[in-house]
Amino acid sequence: MIKHEKRFKQKVSFKGVGNSKIHPSDIDAVLEFDNKYLIIFEVKLKGVPVPFGQELLFKRIVDCWQKTNGDAFLVYCQHETETDEIVNMENTTVIGAYHKSKKFKRNENIKDFLVKLADKYRIKKLQDAL
C-alpha cells in the first residue's frame, strides 16, 4: 500500500513553522467514504499518550465533520513495535474512540473494531474492504 517507499521513509522537518509551544501535527491515517464518514486514526506506542494539542485538533476536526457531513470518528490505537520495525496497522489495538463529542474506552484488534463500525453504520465500502 506504500506507493513510494523512499518517500515514505523521508523525514519532514517542521523548522520555521512554529516554536516550542506551537508546532504542526500529523494524522497517522484517515479513511473517508462518500463525503459521509470520516475515520481518523492516531497510533502511538503502548503507554504513550496523545499530546493535549494534538487530541484537541483531532476532536475539533471530528466535531466539525459531524456538524456538516455525517459521522466522524477518532480512533486511538496502540502498538508494541520496536523502533526498527514497521508498525502494521493490522497488529494494533484500539484502546479508545471519540464520536459525537464522547470518548469511549475500547480494547480490541483494529480489524474487529472496523468490522463492527462498518456493520453498525452500514459503511458498504469499508465492509467490502475488510
C-alpha atoms as a PDB file:
ATOM      1  CA  MET A   1       0.000   0.000   0.000  1.00  0.00           C
ATOM      2  CA  ILE A   2       3.049   2.283   0.135  1.00  0.00           C
ATOM      3  CA  LYS A   3       3.476   3.758  -3.345  1.00  0.00           C
ATOM      4  CA  HIS A   4       6.839   5.468  -2.872  1.00  0.00           C
ATOM      5  CA  GLU A   5       8.996   3.528  -0.404  1.00  0.00           C
ATOM      6  CA  LYS A   6      11.842   6.076  -0.422  1.00  0.00           C
ATOM      7  CA  ARG A   7       9.465   8.991   0.156  1.00  0.00           C
ATOM      8  CA  PHE A   8       7.701   7.066   2.918  1.00  0.00           C
ATOM      9  CA  LYS A   9      10.961   6.859   4.852  1.00  0.00           C
ATOM     10  CA  GLN A  10      11.811  10.509   4.232  1.00  0.00           C
ATOM     11  CA  LYS A  11      11.662  12.706   7.331  1.00  0.00           C
ATOM     12  CA  VAL A  12       9.953  16.077   7.292  1.00  0.00           C
ATOM     13  CA  SER A  13      11.360  18.900   9.403  1.00  0.00           C
ATOM     14  CA  PHE A  14       8.873  21.449  10.699  1.00  0.00           C
ATOM     15  CA  LYS A  15      11.625  24.004  11.287  1.00  0.00           C
ATOM     16  CA  GLY A  16      10.341  27.500  10.681  1.00  0.00           C
ATOM     17  CA  VAL A  17       6.689  26.529  11.181  1.00  0.00           C
ATOM     18  CA  GLY A  18       6.078  27.090  14.866  1.00  0.00           C
ATOM     19  CA  ASN A  19       8.111  27.220  18.058  1.00  0.00           C
ATOM     20  CA  SER A  20       8.478  25.264  21.311  1.00  0.00           C
ATOM     21  CA  LYS A  21       4.809  25.841  22.230  1.00  0.00           C
ATOM     22  CA  ILE A  22       3.120  25.698  18.815  1.00  0.00           C
ATOM     23  CA  HIS A  23       4.039  23.234  16.089  1.00  0.00           C
ATOM     24  CA  PRO A  24       2.420  21.229  13.271  1.00  0.00           C
ATOM     25  CA  SER A  25       0.722  17.925  13.903  1.00  0.00           C
ATOM     26  CA  ASP A  26       0.296  14.868  11.724  1.00  0.00           C
ATOM     27  CA  ILE A  27      -2.511  12.381  11.290  1.00  0.00           C
ATOM     28  CA  ASP A  28      -1.374   8.761  11.171  1.00  0.00           C
ATOM     29  CA  ALA A  29      -4.194   7.537   8.929  1.00  0.00           C
ATOM     30  CA  VAL A  30      -7.533   8.731   7.556  1.00  0.00           C
ATOM     31  CA  LEU A  31     -10.398   6.945   5.853  1.00  0.00           C
ATOM     32  CA  GLU A  32     -13.229   8.845   4.186  1.00  0.00           C
ATOM     33  CA  PHE A  33     -16.264   7.360   2.485  1.00  0.00           C
ATOM     34  CA  ASP A  34     -18.714   9.149   0.184  1.00  0.00           C
ATOM     35  CA  ASN A  35     -18.338  12.523   1.907  1.00  0.00           C
ATOM     36  CA  LYS A  36     -20.365  10.971   4.726  1.00  0.00           C
ATOM     37  CA  TYR A  37     -17.978   9.069   7.011  1.00  0.00           C
ATOM     38  CA  LEU A  38     -14.597  10.180   8.309  1.00  0.00           C
ATOM     39  CA  ILE A  39     -12.304   8.000  10.428  1.00  0.00           C
ATOM     40  CA  ILE A  40      -9.088   9.493  11.822  1.00  0.00           C
ATOM     41  CA  PHE A  41      -6.521   7.149  13.364  1.00  0.00           C
ATOM     42  CA  GLU A  42      -3.848   8.119  15.861  1.00  0.00           C
ATOM     43  CA  VAL A  43      -1.310   5.371  16.514  1.00  0.00           C
ATOM     44  CA  LYS A  44       1.043   5.506  19.483  1.00  0.00           C
ATOM     45  CA  LEU A  45       3.470   3.170  21.208  1.00  0.00           C
ATOM     46  CA  LYS A  46       1.767   1.440  24.129  1.00  0.00           C
ATOM     47  CA  GLY A  47       1.755   3.769  27.134  1.00  0.00           C
ATOM     48  CA  VAL A  48       2.459   6.956  25.154  1.00  0.00           C
ATOM     49  CA  PRO A  49      -0.422   9.426  25.475  1.00  0.00           C
ATOM     50  CA  VAL A  50      -1.690  11.644  22.672  1.00  0.00           C
ATOM     51  CA  PRO A  51      -0.473  15.185  23.401  1.00  0.00           C
ATOM     52  CA  PHE A  52      -3.214  17.573  24.512  1.00  0.00           C
ATOM     53  CA  GLY A  53      -2.924  19.890  21.500  1.00  0.00           C
ATOM     54  CA  GLN A  54      -2.973  17.030  19.004  1.00  0.00           C
ATOM     55  CA  GLU A  55      -6.021  15.458  20.632  1.00  0.00           C
ATOM     56  CA  LEU A  56      -7.807  18.809  20.694  1.00  0.00           C
ATOM     57  CA  LEU A  57      -7.102  19.288  16.972  1.00  0.00           C
ATOM     58  CA  PHE A  58      -8.418  15.829  16.072  1.00  0.00           C
ATOM     59  CA  LYS A  59     -11.555  16.267  18.174  1.00  0.00           C
ATOM     60  CA  ARG A  60     -12.249  19.618  16.508  1.00  0.00           C
ATOM     61  CA  ILE A  61     -11.919  18.063  13.053  1.00  0.00           C
ATOM     62  CA  VAL A  62     -14.274  15.214  14.033  1.00  0.00           C
ATOM     63  CA  ASP A  63     -16.802  17.594  15.618  1.00  0.00           C
ATOM     64  CA  CYS A  64     -16.762  19.884  12.576  1.00  0.00           C
ATOM     65  CA  TRP A  65     -17.277  16.950  10.188  1.00  0.00           C
ATOM     66  CA  GLN A  66     -20.214  15.738  12.292  1.00  0.00           C
ATOM     67  CA  LYS A  67     -21.887  19.139  12.019  1.00  0.00           C
ATOM     68  CA  THR A  68     -21.549  19.396   8.259  1.00  0.00           C
ATOM     69  CA  ASN A  69     -21.230  15.962   6.634  1.00  0.00           C
ATOM     70  CA  GLY A  70     -22.187  12.889   8.615  1.00  0.00           C
ATOM     71  CA  ASP A  71     -20.479  10.613  11.079  1.00  0.00           C
ATOM     72  CA  ALA A  72     -16.867  11.035  12.131  1.00  0.00           C
ATOM     73  CA  PHE A  73     -14.657   9.042  14.449  1.00  0.00           C
ATOM     74  CA  LEU A  74     -11.292   9.483  16.109  1.00  0.00           C
ATOM     75  CA  VAL A  75      -9.728   6.086  16.766  1.00  0.00           C
ATOM     76  CA  TYR A  76      -6.878   5.724  19.255  1.00  0.00           C
ATOM     77  CA  CYS A  77      -4.601   2.773  18.522  1.00  0.00           C
ATOM     78  CA  GLN A  78      -1.536   1.427  20.284  1.00  0.00           C
ATOM     79  CA  HIS A  79       1.281  -0.883  19.249  1.00  0.00           C
ATOM     80  CA  GLU A  80       4.275  -2.595  20.819  1.00  0.00           C
ATOM     81  CA  THR A  81       6.575  -2.491  17.791  1.00  0.00           C
ATOM     82  CA  GLU A  82      10.330  -1.976  18.111  1.00  0.00           C
ATOM     83  CA  THR A  83      11.666   1.285  16.643  1.00  0.00           C
ATOM     84  CA  ASP A  84      13.494  -0.523  13.827  1.00  0.00           C
ATOM     85  CA  GLU A  85      10.342  -2.393  12.747  1.00  0.00           C
ATOM     86  CA  ILE A  86       7.351  -1.297  10.674  1.00  0.00           C
ATOM     87  CA  VAL A  87       4.157  -0.681  12.620  1.00  0.00           C
ATOM     88  CA  ASN A  88       1.481  -2.729  10.861  1.00  0.00           C
ATOM     89  CA  MET A  89      -1.984  -1.326  11.488  1.00  0.00           C
ATOM     90  CA  GLU A  90      -3.429  -4.837  11.451  1.00  0.00           C
ATOM     91  CA  ASN A  91      -1.427  -5.568  14.615  1.00  0.00           C
ATOM     92  CA  THR A  92      -2.605  -2.531  16.556  1.00  0.00           C
ATOM     93  CA  THR A  93      -5.131  -2.470  19.367  1.00  0.00           C
ATOM     94  CA  VAL A  94      -7.909   0.103  19.512  1.00  0.00           C
ATOM     95  CA  ILE A  95      -7.829   1.494  23.042  1.00  0.00           C
ATOM     96  CA  GLY A  96     -10.368   4.266  22.561  1.00  0.00           C
ATOM     97  CA  ALA A  97     -12.649   6.101  20.183  1.00  0.00           C
ATOM     98  CA  TYR A  98     -14.199   9.550  20.040  1.00  0.00           C
ATOM     99  CA  HIS A  99     -17.598  10.036  18.423  1.00  0.00           C
ATOM    100  CA  LYS A 100     -20.392  12.582  18.870  1.00  0.00           C
ATOM    101  CA  SER A 101     -18.356  14.537  21.446  1.00  0.00           C
ATOM    102  CA  LYS A 102     -17.823  11.490  23.662  1.00  0.00           C
ATOM    103  CA  LYS A 103     -14.737   9.411  24.284  1.00  0.00           C
ATOM    104  CA  PHE A 104     -15.146   5.653  24.714  1.00  0.00           C
ATOM    105  CA  LYS A 105     -12.642   3.106  26.008  1.00  0.00           C
ATOM    106  CA  ARG A 106     -12.033   0.070  23.825  1.00  0.00           C
ATOM    107  CA  ASN A 107      -9.738  -2.937  23.864  1.00  0.00           C
ATOM    108  CA  GLU A 108      -9.884  -4.798  20.577  1.00  0.00           C
ATOM    109  CA  ASN A 109      -7.937  -5.504  17.437  1.00  0.00           C
ATOM    110  CA  ILE A 110      -8.250  -2.804  14.778  1.00  0.00           C
ATOM    111  CA  LYS A 111      -9.885  -5.116  12.248  1.00  0.00           C
ATOM    112  CA  ASP A 112     -12.519  -6.291  14.737  1.00  0.00           C
ATOM    113  CA  PHE A 113     -13.261  -2.665  15.593  1.00  0.00           C
ATOM    114  CA  LEU A 114     -13.597  -1.669  11.941  1.00  0.00           C
ATOM    115  CA  VAL A 115     -15.856  -4.629  11.132  1.00  0.00           C
ATOM    116  CA  LYS A 116     -18.201  -3.578  13.948  1.00  0.00           C
ATOM    117  CA  LEU A 117     -18.091   0.050  12.838  1.00  0.00           C
ATOM    118  CA  ALA A 118     -18.770  -0.842   9.201  1.00  0.00           C
ATOM    119  CA  ASP A 119     -21.677  -3.086  10.154  1.00  0.00           C
ATOM    120  CA  LYS A 120     -23.260  -0.704  12.658  1.00  0.00           C
ATOM    121  CA  TYR A 121     -23.157   2.301  10.311  1.00  0.00           C
ATOM    122  CA  ARG A 122     -23.618   0.272   7.116  1.00  0.00           C
ATOM    123  CA  ILE A 123     -20.466   1.640   5.505  1.00  0.00           C
ATOM    124  CA  LYS A 124     -20.502  -0.611   2.432  1.00  0.00           C
ATOM    125  CA  LYS A 125     -17.094   0.422   1.091  1.00  0.00           C
ATOM    126  CA  LEU A 126     -15.494  -0.361   4.452  1.00  0.00           C
ATOM    127  CA  GLN A 127     -17.379  -3.657   4.686  1.00  0.00           C
ATOM    128  CA  ASP A 128     -16.117  -4.591   1.214  1.00  0.00           C
ATOM    129  CA  ALA A 129     -12.531  -3.670   2.127  1.00  0.00           C
ATOM    130  CA  LEU A 130     -12.497  -5.887   5.192  1.00  0.00           C
END
